[in-house]
Amino acid sequence: MSTKKVERNPRRRARELAMQGLYQWQVGGQDEAAIQVQAEAVAGFHKADRELYLSLLHEAIDQAAGLRANLEPHISRPWAEISPIERSILLLGACELRLHPETPYRVVINECIELAKTFGGADGHKFVNGVLDKTAAVLRPAER
């Protein structure tokens, strides 16, 4: 078994930090400024795409209600029953699908699946995949 450390690319690291920030915002009630200060103090923050991180964090928080409205038609249970990690990943994915058309929808979905595999529950990645795939069909019909 290898003990080699996996290097994340700067955009993946930015998404990971943004997802963690969304979790802090939902669970801990922290504001954006406190979340940003904490993230920037994390070892390896300098390896993240700072611009993408800030954009995703701030946009997802500022537009959370609209992003939920995009997601909820594709979810068969109440929002409150979804784990906070999966809610954070879904908000992040919906944000990127809706506000960052420069990133192909398949990349957005794949990145969110990887986040769910790393941080979520056993089958959370399947749930995230299904919801974001249906959301992408609505938000990016021409691309699909």
C-alpha atoms as a PDB file:
ATOM      1  CA  MET A   1       0.000   0.000   0.000  1.00  0.00           C
ATOM      2  CA  SER A   2       1.356   3.396  -0.976  1.00  0.00           C
ATOM      3  CA  THR A   3       1.595   6.249   1.498  1.00  0.00           C
ATOM      4  CA  LYS A   4       2.015   8.834  -1.242  1.00  0.00           C
ATOM      5  CA  LYS A   5       0.103  12.017  -0.538  1.00  0.00           C
ATOM      6  CA  VAL A   6      -2.477  12.911  -3.184  1.00  0.00           C
ATOM      7  CA  GLU A   7      -2.026  16.418  -4.558  1.00  0.00           C
ATOM      8  CA  ARG A   8      -5.250  18.267  -5.313  1.00  0.00           C
ATOM      9  CA  ASN A   9      -5.336  20.763  -8.124  1.00  0.00           C
ATOM     10  CA  PRO A  10      -5.999  24.396  -7.130  1.00  0.00           C
ATOM     11  CA  ARG A  11      -9.610  24.389  -8.352  1.00  0.00           C
ATOM     12  CA  ARG A  12     -10.467  21.160  -6.526  1.00  0.00           C
ATOM     13  CA  ARG A  13      -8.896  22.553  -3.342  1.00  0.00           C
ATOM     14  CA  ALA A  14     -10.949  25.749  -3.764  1.00  0.00           C
ATOM     15  CA  ARG A  15     -14.165  23.734  -4.065  1.00  0.00           C
ATOM     16  CA  GLU A  16     -13.236  21.661  -1.019  1.00  0.00           C
ATOM     17  CA  LEU A  17     -12.625  24.786   1.067  1.00  0.00           C
ATOM     18  CA  ALA A  18     -15.826  26.424  -0.194  1.00  0.00           C
ATOM     19  CA  MET A  19     -17.819  23.294   0.690  1.00  0.00           C
ATOM     20  CA  GLN A  20     -16.293  23.291   4.174  1.00  0.00           C
ATOM     21  CA  GLY A  21     -17.162  26.970   4.511  1.00  0.00           C
ATOM     22  CA  LEU A  22     -20.761  26.299   3.501  1.00  0.00           C
ATOM     23  CA  TYR A  23     -20.883  23.571   6.136  1.00  0.00           C
ATOM     24  CA  GLN A  24     -19.610  26.033   8.782  1.00  0.00           C
ATOM     25  CA  TRP A  25     -22.195  28.581   7.661  1.00  0.00           C
ATOM     26  CA  GLN A  26     -25.076  26.099   7.876  1.00  0.00           C
ATOM     27  CA  VAL A  27     -24.111  24.189  11.022  1.00  0.00           C
ATOM     28  CA  GLY A  28     -22.167  26.745  13.034  1.00  0.00           C
ATOM     29  CA  GLY A  29     -23.906  29.870  11.847  1.00  0.00           C
ATOM     30  CA  GLN A  30     -20.578  31.532  11.104  1.00  0.00           C
ATOM     31  CA  ASP A  31     -20.526  34.544   8.815  1.00  0.00           C
ATOM     32  CA  GLU A  32     -18.561  34.759   5.590  1.00  0.00           C
ATOM     33  CA  ALA A  33     -15.760  36.881   7.054  1.00  0.00           C
ATOM     34  CA  ALA A  34     -15.063  34.423   9.899  1.00  0.00           C
ATOM     35  CA  ILE A  35     -15.188  31.479   7.504  1.00  0.00           C
ATOM     36  CA  GLN A  36     -12.749  33.181   5.144  1.00  0.00           C
ATOM     37  CA  VAL A  37     -10.296  34.005   7.965  1.00  0.00           C
ATOM     38  CA  GLN A  38     -10.359  30.377   9.143  1.00  0.00           C
ATOM     39  CA  ALA A  39      -9.899  28.995   5.621  1.00  0.00           C
ATOM     40  CA  GLU A  40      -6.963  31.271   4.889  1.00  0.00           C
ATOM     41  CA  ALA A  41      -5.265  30.007   8.073  1.00  0.00           C
ATOM     42  CA  VAL A  42      -5.513  26.363   6.950  1.00  0.00           C
ATOM     43  CA  ALA A  43      -2.240  24.761   5.915  1.00  0.00           C
ATOM     44  CA  GLY A  44      -2.144  24.558   2.137  1.00  0.00           C
ATOM     45  CA  PHE A  45      -4.649  27.353   1.510  1.00  0.00           C
ATOM     46  CA  HIS A  46      -2.052  29.028  -0.711  1.00  0.00           C
ATOM     47  CA  LYS A  47      -2.373  26.044  -3.081  1.00  0.00           C
ATOM     48  CA  ALA A  48      -6.075  26.736  -3.672  1.00  0.00           C
ATOM     49  CA  ASP A  49      -7.497  28.903  -6.449  1.00  0.00           C
ATOM     50  CA  ARG A  50      -8.332  31.805  -4.115  1.00  0.00           C
ATOM     51  CA  GLU A  51     -10.510  33.626  -6.637  1.00  0.00           C
ATOM     52  CA  LEU A  52     -12.674  30.548  -7.261  1.00  0.00           C
ATOM     53  CA  TYR A  53     -12.903  29.812  -3.530  1.00  0.00           C
ATOM     54  CA  LEU A  54     -14.087  33.335  -2.687  1.00  0.00           C
ATOM     55  CA  SER A  55     -16.501  33.419  -5.594  1.00  0.00           C
ATOM     56  CA  LEU A  56     -18.131  30.082  -4.766  1.00  0.00           C
ATOM     57  CA  LEU A  57     -18.325  30.746  -1.030  1.00  0.00           C
ATOM     58  CA  HIS A  58     -19.827  34.212  -1.308  1.00  0.00           C
ATOM     59  CA  GLU A  59     -22.176  33.448  -4.199  1.00  0.00           C
ATOM     60  CA  ALA A  60     -23.501  30.242  -2.634  1.00  0.00           C
ATOM     61  CA  ILE A  61     -24.225  31.986   0.669  1.00  0.00           C
ATOM     62  CA  ASP A  62     -25.673  35.125  -0.935  1.00  0.00           C
ATOM     63  CA  GLN A  63     -27.897  33.134  -3.292  1.00  0.00           C
ATOM     64  CA  ALA A  64     -28.661  30.117  -1.106  1.00  0.00           C
ATOM     65  CA  ALA A  65     -32.442  30.560  -1.304  1.00  0.00           C
ATOM     66  CA  GLY A  66     -32.436  30.675  -5.106  1.00  0.00           C
ATOM     67  CA  LEU A  67     -30.031  27.753  -5.330  1.00  0.00           C
ATOM     68  CA  ARG A  68     -32.266  25.702  -3.049  1.00  0.00           C
ATOM     69  CA  ALA A  69     -35.190  26.562  -5.310  1.00  0.00           C
ATOM     70  CA  ASN A  70     -33.190  25.113  -8.225  1.00  0.00           C
ATOM     71  CA  LEU A  71     -32.353  21.945  -6.280  1.00  0.00           C
ATOM     72  CA  GLU A  72     -35.501  21.114  -4.323  1.00  0.00           C
ATOM     73  CA  PRO A  73     -37.679  19.967  -7.264  1.00  0.00           C
ATOM     74  CA  HIS A  74     -35.166  17.141  -7.725  1.00  0.00           C
ATOM     75  CA  ILE A  75     -35.061  16.052  -4.064  1.00  0.00           C
ATOM     76  CA  SER A  76     -37.635  13.634  -2.685  1.00  0.00           C
ATOM     77  CA  ARG A  77     -37.269  14.588   0.978  1.00  0.00           C
ATOM     78  CA  PRO A  78     -37.280  17.822   2.969  1.00  0.00           C
ATOM     79  CA  TRP A  79     -34.105  19.937   2.781  1.00  0.00           C
ATOM     80  CA  ALA A  80     -33.648  19.672   6.556  1.00  0.00           C
ATOM     81  CA  GLU A  81     -33.415  15.868   6.312  1.00  0.00           C
ATOM     82  CA  ILE A  82     -30.381  16.019   4.016  1.00  0.00           C
ATOM     83  CA  SER A  83     -27.044  15.836   5.807  1.00  0.00           C
ATOM     84  CA  PRO A  84     -25.297  19.211   6.164  1.00  0.00           C
ATOM     85  CA  ILE A  85     -22.347  17.901   4.120  1.00  0.00           C
ATOM     86  CA  GLU A  86     -24.592  16.910   1.233  1.00  0.00           C
ATOM     87  CA  ARG A  87     -26.513  20.200   1.476  1.00  0.00           C
ATOM     88  CA  SER A  88     -23.198  22.058   1.284  1.00  0.00           C
ATOM     89  CA  ILE A  89     -22.094  20.067  -1.754  1.00  0.00           C
ATOM     90  CA  LEU A  90     -25.460  20.570  -3.470  1.00  0.00           C
ATOM     91  CA  LEU A  91     -25.367  24.335  -2.860  1.00  0.00           C
ATOM     92  CA  LEU A  92     -21.827  24.456  -4.188  1.00  0.00           C
ATOM     93  CA  GLY A  93     -22.746  22.438  -7.282  1.00  0.00           C
ATOM     94  CA  ALA A  94     -25.888  24.442  -8.003  1.00  0.00           C
ATOM     95  CA  CYS A  95     -23.909  27.660  -7.588  1.00  0.00           C
ATOM     96  CA  GLU A  96     -21.286  26.580 -10.067  1.00  0.00           C
ATOM     97  CA  LEU A  97     -23.874  25.243 -12.520  1.00  0.00           C
ATOM     98  CA  ARG A  98     -25.905  28.443 -12.363  1.00  0.00           C
ATOM     99  CA  LEU A  99     -23.236  31.123 -12.105  1.00  0.00           C
ATOM    100  CA  HIS A 100     -20.098  29.647 -13.682  1.00  0.00           C
ATOM    101  CA  PRO A 101     -20.964  28.558 -17.224  1.00  0.00           C
ATOM    102  CA  GLU A 102     -17.242  28.544 -18.072  1.00  0.00           C
ATOM    103  CA  THR A 103     -16.962  25.255 -16.153  1.00  0.00           C
ATOM    104  CA  PRO A 104     -18.534  22.349 -18.075  1.00  0.00           C
ATOM    105  CA  TYR A 105     -21.466  20.811 -16.223  1.00  0.00           C
ATOM    106  CA  ARG A 106     -19.828  17.373 -16.246  1.00  0.00           C
ATOM    107  CA  VAL A 107     -16.805  18.807 -14.427  1.00  0.00           C
ATOM    108  CA  VAL A 108     -19.053  20.435 -11.811  1.00  0.00           C
ATOM    109  CA  ILE A 109     -20.943  17.197 -11.201  1.00  0.00           C
ATOM    110  CA  ASN A 110     -17.788  15.073 -11.089  1.00  0.00           C
ATOM    111  CA  GLU A 111     -16.118  17.437  -8.629  1.00  0.00           C
ATOM    112  CA  CYS A 112     -19.183  17.335  -6.373  1.00  0.00           C
ATOM    113  CA  ILE A 113     -19.299  13.540  -6.559  1.00  0.00           C
ATOM    114  CA  GLU A 114     -15.662  13.427  -5.440  1.00  0.00           C
ATOM    115  CA  LEU A 115     -16.433  15.771  -2.536  1.00  0.00           C
ATOM    116  CA  ALA A 116     -19.348  13.542  -1.524  1.00  0.00           C
ATOM    117  CA  LYS A 117     -17.165  10.432  -1.688  1.00  0.00           C
ATOM    118  CA  THR A 118     -14.523  12.113   0.483  1.00  0.00           C
ATOM    119  CA  PHE A 119     -16.707  13.884   3.036  1.00  0.00           C
ATOM    120  CA  GLY A 120     -20.221  12.447   2.765  1.00  0.00           C
ATOM    121  CA  GLY A 121     -22.013   9.295   3.810  1.00  0.00           C
ATOM    122  CA  ALA A 122     -21.697   5.872   2.185  1.00  0.00           C
ATOM    123  CA  ASP A 123     -24.028   6.499  -0.770  1.00  0.00           C
ATOM    124  CA  GLY A 124     -24.092  10.283  -0.604  1.00  0.00           C
ATOM    125  CA  HIS A 125     -22.252  10.568  -3.910  1.00  0.00           C
ATOM    126  CA  LYS A 126     -25.104   8.759  -5.700  1.00  0.00           C
ATOM    127  CA  PHE A 127     -27.648  11.167  -4.231  1.00  0.00           C
ATOM    128  CA  VAL A 128     -25.518  14.203  -5.139  1.00  0.00           C
ATOM    129  CA  ASN A 129     -25.020  12.868  -8.670  1.00  0.00           C
ATOM    130  CA  GLY A 130     -28.745  12.331  -9.231  1.00  0.00           C
ATOM    131  CA  VAL A 131     -29.806  15.722  -7.903  1.00  0.00           C
ATOM    132  CA  LEU A 132     -27.120  17.704  -9.737  1.00  0.00           C
ATOM    133  CA  ASP A 133     -27.657  15.804 -12.994  1.00  0.00           C
ATOM    134  CA  LYS A 134     -31.359  16.754 -12.953  1.00  0.00           C
ATOM    135  CA  THR A 135     -30.527  20.318 -11.886  1.00  0.00           C
ATOM    136  CA  ALA A 136     -28.001  20.649 -14.738  1.00  0.00           C
ATOM    137  CA  ALA A 137     -30.682  19.586 -17.226  1.00  0.00           C
ATOM    138  CA  VAL A 138     -32.753  22.604 -16.125  1.00  0.00           C
ATOM    139  CA  LEU A 139     -29.966  25.150 -15.619  1.00  0.00           C
ATOM    140  CA  ARG A 140     -27.917  24.203 -18.689  1.00  0.00           C
ATOM    141  CA  PRO A 141     -30.266  22.639 -21.232  1.00  0.00           C
ATOM    142  CA  ALA A 142     -28.153  23.686 -24.231  1.00  0.00           C
ATOM    143  CA  GLU A 143     -25.039  22.090 -22.774  1.00  0.00           C
ATOM    144  CA  ARG A 144     -26.824  18.833 -22.027  1.00  0.00           C
END
